[in-house]
Amino acid sequence: MVHNDISAETLMSYLEEVIELNRKIPILVEGKKDKKSLKELGFKGKMYGMNVGLPISELAEQIGREDKKIILLTDWDDTGERLFLKMKSLLMANDVKVVTSVRRDLEVLSRKYAKDVESLPKALEAMNKSQA
């Protein structure tokens, strides 16, 4: 993947692929604002949030009962990284296949404009303006 001068069109094209993937595979994000941002971008598939008052170990068990594969999409800051590693381990312990590439790709594609899932719609807008 090219890291320089990534266009809004490239980011949107990738997001469209993930939107399609989300039709079959649920996404796990950190909280309500992340879900809201993804919906704003056109995501319509099943989503889980971590900050729902349930210990993450119980959430991982619930996901394991309901789904066998999940897209793990935490923020790409230090806190998000720690949460990503912990949740990935818990999900795998519950026999859930974890898709990790989406988080990594979105971090690369939105690097200069977003540090988290919540800011993806604004990042896309800023990229469009800077390339106009």
C-alpha atoms as a PDB file:
ATOM      1  CA  MET A   1       0.000   0.000   0.000  1.00  0.00           C
ATOM      2  CA  VAL A   2       1.359   3.450  -0.933  1.00  0.00           C
ATOM      3  CA  HIS A   3       1.773   5.770   2.055  1.00  0.00           C
ATOM      4  CA  ASN A   4       2.301   9.132   0.349  1.00  0.00           C
ATOM      5  CA  ASP A   5      -0.355  11.479  -0.995  1.00  0.00           C
ATOM      6  CA  ILE A   6      -3.277   9.171  -0.402  1.00  0.00           C
ATOM      7  CA  SER A   7      -6.409  10.700  -1.867  1.00  0.00           C
ATOM      8  CA  ALA A   8      -9.863  11.033  -0.371  1.00  0.00           C
ATOM      9  CA  GLU A   9     -11.003   8.915  -3.313  1.00  0.00           C
ATOM     10  CA  THR A  10      -8.626   6.103  -2.257  1.00  0.00           C
ATOM     11  CA  LEU A  11      -9.860   6.263   1.342  1.00  0.00           C
ATOM     12  CA  MET A  12     -13.516   6.284   0.254  1.00  0.00           C
ATOM     13  CA  SER A  13     -12.929   3.399  -2.135  1.00  0.00           C
ATOM     14  CA  TYR A  14     -11.397   1.375   0.708  1.00  0.00           C
ATOM     15  CA  LEU A  15     -14.248   2.307   3.042  1.00  0.00           C
ATOM     16  CA  GLU A  16     -16.725   1.073   0.425  1.00  0.00           C
ATOM     17  CA  GLU A  17     -14.946  -2.300   0.433  1.00  0.00           C
ATOM     18  CA  VAL A  18     -15.192  -2.448   4.225  1.00  0.00           C
ATOM     19  CA  ILE A  19     -18.867  -1.408   4.119  1.00  0.00           C
ATOM     20  CA  GLU A  20     -19.465  -4.386   1.832  1.00  0.00           C
ATOM     21  CA  LEU A  21     -17.451  -6.672   4.134  1.00  0.00           C
ATOM     22  CA  ASN A  22     -19.524  -5.452   7.106  1.00  0.00           C
ATOM     23  CA  ARG A  23     -22.641  -6.858   5.420  1.00  0.00           C
ATOM     24  CA  LYS A  24     -21.258 -10.315   6.310  1.00  0.00           C
ATOM     25  CA  ILE A  25     -18.881  -9.661   9.203  1.00  0.00           C
ATOM     26  CA  PRO A  26     -19.715  -7.534  12.270  1.00  0.00           C
ATOM     27  CA  ILE A  27     -17.447  -4.713  13.401  1.00  0.00           C
ATOM     28  CA  LEU A  28     -16.334  -4.163  16.994  1.00  0.00           C
ATOM     29  CA  VAL A  29     -15.529  -0.529  17.854  1.00  0.00           C
ATOM     30  CA  GLU A  30     -14.769   1.233  21.113  1.00  0.00           C
ATOM     31  CA  GLY A  31     -17.934   3.258  21.630  1.00  0.00           C
ATOM     32  CA  LYS A  32     -21.136   4.963  20.493  1.00  0.00           C
ATOM     33  CA  LYS A  33     -19.389   7.835  18.686  1.00  0.00           C
ATOM     34  CA  ASP A  34     -17.400   5.348  16.618  1.00  0.00           C
ATOM     35  CA  LYS A  35     -20.611   3.539  15.625  1.00  0.00           C
ATOM     36  CA  LYS A  36     -22.238   6.869  14.748  1.00  0.00           C
ATOM     37  CA  SER A  37     -19.284   7.856  12.547  1.00  0.00           C
ATOM     38  CA  LEU A  38     -19.314   4.545  10.690  1.00  0.00           C
ATOM     39  CA  LYS A  39     -23.053   4.839  10.094  1.00  0.00           C
ATOM     40  CA  GLU A  40     -22.468   8.372   8.800  1.00  0.00           C
ATOM     41  CA  LEU A  41     -20.015   6.861   6.292  1.00  0.00           C
ATOM     42  CA  GLY A  42     -22.631   4.361   5.096  1.00  0.00           C
ATOM     43  CA  PHE A  43     -22.030   1.299   7.273  1.00  0.00           C
ATOM     44  CA  LYS A  44     -25.236  -0.663   7.792  1.00  0.00           C
ATOM     45  CA  GLY A  45     -24.030  -4.034   9.079  1.00  0.00           C
ATOM     46  CA  LYS A  46     -23.934  -5.405  12.597  1.00  0.00           C
ATOM     47  CA  MET A  47     -21.750  -3.473  15.051  1.00  0.00           C
ATOM     48  CA  TYR A  48     -20.677  -4.044  18.621  1.00  0.00           C
ATOM     49  CA  GLY A  49     -19.377  -1.356  20.982  1.00  0.00           C
ATOM     50  CA  MET A  50     -16.972  -2.002  23.839  1.00  0.00           C
ATOM     51  CA  ASN A  51     -18.152   0.792  26.112  1.00  0.00           C
ATOM     52  CA  VAL A  52     -21.593  -0.610  26.864  1.00  0.00           C
ATOM     53  CA  GLY A  53     -21.178  -1.272  30.579  1.00  0.00           C
ATOM     54  CA  LEU A  54     -20.155  -4.889  30.033  1.00  0.00           C
ATOM     55  CA  PRO A  55     -16.667  -6.115  30.986  1.00  0.00           C
ATOM     56  CA  ILE A  56     -14.730  -6.764  27.769  1.00  0.00           C
ATOM     57  CA  SER A  57     -14.238 -10.411  28.732  1.00  0.00           C
ATOM     58  CA  GLU A  58     -18.028 -10.859  28.844  1.00  0.00           C
ATOM     59  CA  LEU A  59     -18.400  -8.971  25.561  1.00  0.00           C
ATOM     60  CA  ALA A  60     -15.860 -11.319  23.954  1.00  0.00           C
ATOM     61  CA  GLU A  61     -17.877 -14.304  25.245  1.00  0.00           C
ATOM     62  CA  GLN A  62     -21.106 -12.807  23.865  1.00  0.00           C
ATOM     63  CA  ILE A  63     -19.491 -12.230  20.462  1.00  0.00           C
ATOM     64  CA  GLY A  64     -18.169 -15.809  20.537  1.00  0.00           C
ATOM     65  CA  ARG A  65     -21.722 -17.089  21.042  1.00  0.00           C
ATOM     66  CA  GLU A  66     -23.190 -14.928  18.247  1.00  0.00           C
ATOM     67  CA  ASP A  67     -20.438 -14.612  15.640  1.00  0.00           C
ATOM     68  CA  LYS A  68     -17.384 -16.564  14.560  1.00  0.00           C
ATOM     69  CA  LYS A  69     -15.601 -13.721  12.775  1.00  0.00           C
ATOM     70  CA  ILE A  70     -15.287 -10.012  13.567  1.00  0.00           C
ATOM     71  CA  ILE A  71     -13.568  -6.883  12.280  1.00  0.00           C
ATOM     72  CA  LEU A  72     -11.742  -5.374  15.265  1.00  0.00           C
ATOM     73  CA  LEU A  73     -11.570  -1.621  14.774  1.00  0.00           C
ATOM     74  CA  THR A  74     -10.187   0.283  17.758  1.00  0.00           C
ATOM     75  CA  ASP A  75      -8.606   3.723  17.547  1.00  0.00           C
ATOM     76  CA  TRP A  76      -4.987   3.868  16.452  1.00  0.00           C
ATOM     77  CA  ASP A  77      -3.730   5.825  19.474  1.00  0.00           C
ATOM     78  CA  ASP A  78      -1.899   4.198  22.427  1.00  0.00           C
ATOM     79  CA  THR A  79      -5.098   3.429  24.335  1.00  0.00           C
ATOM     80  CA  GLY A  80      -6.679   1.951  21.221  1.00  0.00           C
ATOM     81  CA  GLU A  81      -3.603  -0.190  20.626  1.00  0.00           C
ATOM     82  CA  ARG A  82      -3.715  -1.629  24.162  1.00  0.00           C
ATOM     83  CA  LEU A  83      -7.453  -2.272  23.848  1.00  0.00           C
ATOM     84  CA  PHE A  84      -6.918  -3.851  20.416  1.00  0.00           C
ATOM     85  CA  LEU A  85      -4.327  -6.322  21.741  1.00  0.00           C
ATOM     86  CA  LYS A  86      -6.386  -7.242  24.817  1.00  0.00           C
ATOM     87  CA  MET A  87      -9.649  -7.650  22.897  1.00  0.00           C
ATOM     88  CA  LYS A  88      -7.989  -9.607  20.093  1.00  0.00           C
ATOM     89  CA  SER A  89      -6.663 -12.081  22.663  1.00  0.00           C
ATOM     90  CA  LEU A  90     -10.054 -12.403  24.400  1.00  0.00           C
ATOM     91  CA  LEU A  91     -11.889 -12.899  21.109  1.00  0.00           C
ATOM     92  CA  MET A  92      -9.443 -15.539  19.921  1.00  0.00           C
ATOM     93  CA  ALA A  93      -9.845 -17.336  23.262  1.00  0.00           C
ATOM     94  CA  ASN A  94     -13.568 -17.481  22.434  1.00  0.00           C
ATOM     95  CA  ASP A  95     -12.885 -19.024  18.999  1.00  0.00           C
ATOM     96  CA  VAL A  96     -13.608 -15.824  17.086  1.00  0.00           C
ATOM     97  CA  LYS A  97     -11.526 -15.153  13.959  1.00  0.00           C
ATOM     98  CA  VAL A  98     -10.339 -11.540  14.203  1.00  0.00           C
ATOM     99  CA  VAL A  99      -9.908  -9.411  11.071  1.00  0.00           C
ATOM    100  CA  THR A 100      -7.119  -6.964  11.942  1.00  0.00           C
ATOM    101  CA  SER A 101      -6.200  -5.556   8.536  1.00  0.00           C
ATOM    102  CA  VAL A 102      -8.996  -2.956   8.419  1.00  0.00           C
ATOM    103  CA  ARG A 103      -7.659  -1.098  11.445  1.00  0.00           C
ATOM    104  CA  ARG A 104      -4.119  -1.090  10.079  1.00  0.00           C
ATOM    105  CA  ASP A 105      -5.217   0.007   6.609  1.00  0.00           C
ATOM    106  CA  LEU A 106      -7.425   2.827   7.905  1.00  0.00           C
ATOM    107  CA  GLU A 107      -4.583   4.081  10.077  1.00  0.00           C
ATOM    108  CA  VAL A 108      -2.328   4.279   7.012  1.00  0.00           C
ATOM    109  CA  LEU A 109      -4.966   5.736   4.685  1.00  0.00           C
ATOM    110  CA  SER A 110      -6.068   8.481   7.086  1.00  0.00           C
ATOM    111  CA  ARG A 111      -2.758   9.031   8.899  1.00  0.00           C
ATOM    112  CA  LYS A 112      -2.435  12.806   8.547  1.00  0.00           C
ATOM    113  CA  TYR A 113      -6.135  13.440   9.129  1.00  0.00           C
ATOM    114  CA  ALA A 114      -7.482  10.991  11.747  1.00  0.00           C
ATOM    115  CA  LYS A 115      -6.209   9.293  14.874  1.00  0.00           C
ATOM    116  CA  ASP A 116      -9.407   7.441  15.609  1.00  0.00           C
ATOM    117  CA  VAL A 117     -12.550   5.912  14.135  1.00  0.00           C
ATOM    118  CA  GLU A 118     -14.735   8.775  15.310  1.00  0.00           C
ATOM    119  CA  SER A 119     -12.868  11.341  13.197  1.00  0.00           C
ATOM    120  CA  LEU A 120     -12.987   9.390   9.906  1.00  0.00           C
ATOM    121  CA  PRO A 121     -15.903  11.408   8.399  1.00  0.00           C
ATOM    122  CA  LYS A 122     -14.118  14.700   9.185  1.00  0.00           C
ATOM    123  CA  ALA A 123     -10.833  13.290   7.880  1.00  0.00           C
ATOM    124  CA  LEU A 124     -12.487  12.412   4.581  1.00  0.00           C
ATOM    125  CA  GLU A 125     -13.917  15.927   4.383  1.00  0.00           C
ATOM    126  CA  ALA A 126     -10.530  17.509   5.148  1.00  0.00           C
ATOM    127  CA  MET A 127      -8.814  15.328   2.544  1.00  0.00           C
ATOM    128  CA  ASN A 128     -11.370  16.379  -0.061  1.00  0.00           C
ATOM    129  CA  LYS A 129     -10.763  20.069   0.735  1.00  0.00           C
ATOM    130  CA  SER A 130      -6.972  19.766   0.661  1.00  0.00           C
ATOM    131  CA  GLN A 131      -7.093  18.066  -2.732  1.00  0.00           C
ATOM    132  CA  ALA A 132      -9.624  20.435  -4.309  1.00  0.00           C
END
